[in-house]
Amino acid sequence: MLTSIDRVMIYAVLCIISFSTIMLTSHHSTGLFAIGGLLAAITGLWVELTDKSELEQQKNQR
């Protein structure tokens, strides 16, 4: 099972890859998958970083 830190890292990498894809392609050929990936990564990061109950549980388990 992935911890919250692992999931945040995965979302951050997805965000960097999607943002780089959008920046490196021409404006006329920007793909829907790159924009969707960026929005999904931002949403995932927001959900992971605002869920304080899981972070507190992981701190208490250590």
N, C-alpha and C. Protein backbone atom coordinates (compact mmCIF):
# COMPACT_ATOMS: atom_id res chain seq x y z
N MET A 1 0.84 -1.17 0.00
CA MET A 1 0.00 0.00 0.00
C MET A 1 0.89 1.24 0.00
N LEU A 2 0.51 2.22 -0.77
CA LEU A 2 1.29 3.45 -0.88
C LEU A 2 0.95 4.40 0.26
N THR A 3 1.96 5.04 0.77
CA THR A 3 1.73 6.06 1.78
C THR A 3 1.35 7.37 1.10
N SER A 4 0.95 8.34 1.87
CA SER A 4 0.55 9.62 1.29
C SER A 4 1.73 10.33 0.64
N ILE A 5 2.92 10.15 1.20
CA ILE A 5 4.12 10.75 0.60
C ILE A 5 4.38 10.15 -0.77
N ASP A 6 4.20 8.84 -0.90
CA ASP A 6 4.39 8.19 -2.20
C ASP A 6 3.39 8.71 -3.22
N ARG A 7 2.14 8.86 -2.81
CA ARG A 7 1.12 9.36 -3.73
C ARG A 7 1.37 10.81 -4.13
N VAL A 8 1.84 11.63 -3.20
CA VAL A 8 2.17 13.02 -3.52
C VAL A 8 3.31 13.08 -4.53
N MET A 9 4.30 12.23 -4.36
CA MET A 9 5.43 12.19 -5.31
C MET A 9 4.96 11.77 -6.70
N ILE A 10 4.07 10.78 -6.77
CA ILE A 10 3.55 10.34 -8.07
C ILE A 10 2.77 11.46 -8.74
N TYR A 11 1.93 12.15 -8.00
CA TYR A 11 1.18 13.27 -8.56
C TYR A 11 2.11 14.40 -9.00
N ALA A 12 3.17 14.65 -8.24
CA ALA A 12 4.11 15.71 -8.60
C ALA A 12 4.84 15.38 -9.90
N VAL A 13 5.25 14.12 -10.06
CA VAL A 13 5.92 13.71 -11.29
C VAL A 13 4.96 13.80 -12.47
N LEU A 14 3.72 13.37 -12.29
CA LEU A 14 2.71 13.49 -13.35
C LEU A 14 2.48 14.95 -13.72
N CYS A 15 2.48 15.83 -12.74
CA CYS A 15 2.29 17.25 -13.00
C CYS A 15 3.47 17.81 -13.80
N ILE A 16 4.68 17.44 -13.45
CA ILE A 16 5.87 17.92 -14.17
C ILE A 16 5.87 17.42 -15.60
N ILE A 17 5.54 16.13 -15.80
CA ILE A 17 5.52 15.57 -17.15
C ILE A 17 4.45 16.24 -18.00
N SER A 18 3.26 16.41 -17.44
CA SER A 18 2.17 17.04 -18.20
C SER A 18 2.48 18.50 -18.53
N PHE A 19 3.02 19.23 -17.56
CA PHE A 19 3.35 20.63 -17.79
C PHE A 19 4.45 20.75 -18.85
N SER A 20 5.44 19.86 -18.79
CA SER A 20 6.51 19.89 -19.79
C SER A 20 5.98 19.58 -21.18
N THR A 21 5.06 18.63 -21.27
CA THR A 21 4.45 18.29 -22.55
C THR A 21 3.69 19.48 -23.13
N ILE A 22 2.97 20.18 -22.29
CA ILE A 22 2.21 21.34 -22.76
C ILE A 22 3.16 22.45 -23.21
N MET A 23 4.25 22.67 -22.47
CA MET A 23 5.17 23.75 -22.81
C MET A 23 6.02 23.44 -24.04
N LEU A 24 6.34 22.17 -24.26
CA LEU A 24 7.24 21.82 -25.35
C LEU A 24 6.54 21.58 -26.69
N THR A 25 5.23 21.46 -26.70
CA THR A 25 4.51 21.28 -27.96
C THR A 25 4.00 22.63 -28.44
N SER A 26 3.70 22.69 -29.72
CA SER A 26 3.17 23.95 -30.26
C SER A 26 1.74 24.16 -29.74
N HIS A 27 1.31 25.39 -29.77
CA HIS A 27 0.00 25.72 -29.23
C HIS A 27 -1.13 25.12 -30.05
N HIS A 28 -0.87 24.80 -31.29
CA HIS A 28 -1.92 24.25 -32.15
C HIS A 28 -2.10 22.75 -31.94
N SER A 29 -1.09 22.08 -31.40
CA SER A 29 -1.19 20.63 -31.25
C SER A 29 -1.17 20.18 -29.79
N THR A 30 -1.59 21.05 -28.87
CA THR A 30 -1.64 20.66 -27.47
C THR A 30 -2.70 19.59 -27.29
N GLY A 31 -2.29 18.46 -26.74
CA GLY A 31 -3.18 17.32 -26.62
C GLY A 31 -4.12 17.42 -25.43
N LEU A 32 -5.24 16.78 -25.59
CA LEU A 32 -6.23 16.74 -24.52
C LEU A 32 -5.72 15.92 -23.34
N PHE A 33 -4.92 14.88 -23.63
CA PHE A 33 -4.38 14.06 -22.56
C PHE A 33 -3.41 14.83 -21.68
N ALA A 34 -2.62 15.72 -22.25
CA ALA A 34 -1.68 16.51 -21.45
C ALA A 34 -2.43 17.47 -20.53
N ILE A 35 -3.46 18.09 -21.04
CA ILE A 35 -4.26 19.01 -20.22
C ILE A 35 -5.01 18.23 -19.15
N GLY A 36 -5.57 17.09 -19.54
CA GLY A 36 -6.28 16.24 -18.57
C GLY A 36 -5.34 15.71 -17.50
N GLY A 37 -4.12 15.34 -17.89
CA GLY A 37 -3.14 14.87 -16.92
C GLY A 37 -2.74 15.95 -15.94
N LEU A 38 -2.60 17.17 -16.43
CA LEU A 38 -2.25 18.28 -15.55
C LEU A 38 -3.38 18.57 -14.57
N LEU A 39 -4.60 18.57 -15.05
CA LEU A 39 -5.74 18.80 -14.15
C LEU A 39 -5.89 17.67 -13.14
N ALA A 40 -5.67 16.43 -13.57
CA ALA A 40 -5.76 15.30 -12.65
C ALA A 40 -4.66 15.37 -11.59
N ALA A 41 -3.47 15.76 -11.99
CA ALA A 41 -2.37 15.87 -11.04
C ALA A 41 -2.63 16.98 -10.03
N ILE A 42 -3.13 18.10 -10.49
CA ILE A 42 -3.44 19.20 -9.58
C ILE A 42 -4.53 18.81 -8.60
N THR A 43 -5.56 18.14 -9.11
CA THR A 43 -6.66 17.68 -8.25
C THR A 43 -6.15 16.64 -7.24
N GLY A 44 -5.32 15.71 -7.70
CA GLY A 44 -4.77 14.70 -6.80
C GLY A 44 -3.90 15.30 -5.72
N LEU A 45 -3.06 16.25 -6.09
CA LEU A 45 -2.23 16.93 -5.10
C LEU A 45 -3.08 17.68 -4.09
N TRP A 46 -4.12 18.34 -4.56
CA TRP A 46 -4.99 19.10 -3.66
C TRP A 46 -5.68 18.16 -2.67
N VAL A 47 -6.18 17.04 -3.16
CA VAL A 47 -6.85 16.09 -2.28
C VAL A 47 -5.88 15.50 -1.27
N GLU A 48 -4.70 15.12 -1.71
CA GLU A 48 -3.72 14.52 -0.80
C GLU A 48 -3.22 15.51 0.24
N LEU A 49 -3.04 16.75 -0.14
CA LEU A 49 -2.49 17.72 0.80
C LEU A 49 -3.54 18.30 1.74
N THR A 50 -4.81 18.19 1.40
CA THR A 50 -5.85 18.70 2.29
C THR A 50 -6.40 17.63 3.21
N ASP A 51 -6.05 16.36 3.00
CA ASP A 51 -6.53 15.27 3.85
C ASP A 51 -5.59 15.12 5.04
N LYS A 52 -5.88 15.84 6.11
CA LYS A 52 -5.00 15.87 7.28
C LYS A 52 -5.17 14.63 8.15
N SER A 53 -6.31 13.96 8.12
CA SER A 53 -6.53 12.83 9.01
C SER A 53 -5.58 11.68 8.71
N GLU A 54 -5.32 11.40 7.45
CA GLU A 54 -4.41 10.31 7.10
C GLU A 54 -2.98 10.65 7.48
N LEU A 55 -2.59 11.91 7.30
CA LEU A 55 -1.24 12.32 7.67
C LEU A 55 -1.03 12.20 9.18
N GLU A 56 -2.05 12.54 9.96
CA GLU A 56 -1.94 12.43 11.41
C GLU A 56 -1.87 10.98 11.84
N GLN A 57 -2.60 10.10 11.15
CA GLN A 57 -2.55 8.67 11.49
C GLN A 57 -1.18 8.11 11.22
N GLN A 58 -0.55 8.51 10.12
CA GLN A 58 0.78 8.00 9.80
C GLN A 58 1.81 8.51 10.80
N LYS A 59 1.67 9.73 11.28
CA LYS A 59 2.60 10.25 12.27
C LYS A 59 2.45 9.50 13.59
N ASN A 60 1.20 9.14 13.95
CA ASN A 60 0.96 8.44 15.21
C ASN A 60 1.46 7.00 15.16
N GLN A 61 1.53 6.40 13.97
CA GLN A 61 1.99 5.02 13.86
C GLN A 61 3.50 4.90 14.03
N ARG A 62 4.23 5.94 13.82
CA ARG A 62 5.70 5.90 13.93
C ARG A 62 6.15 5.88 15.33
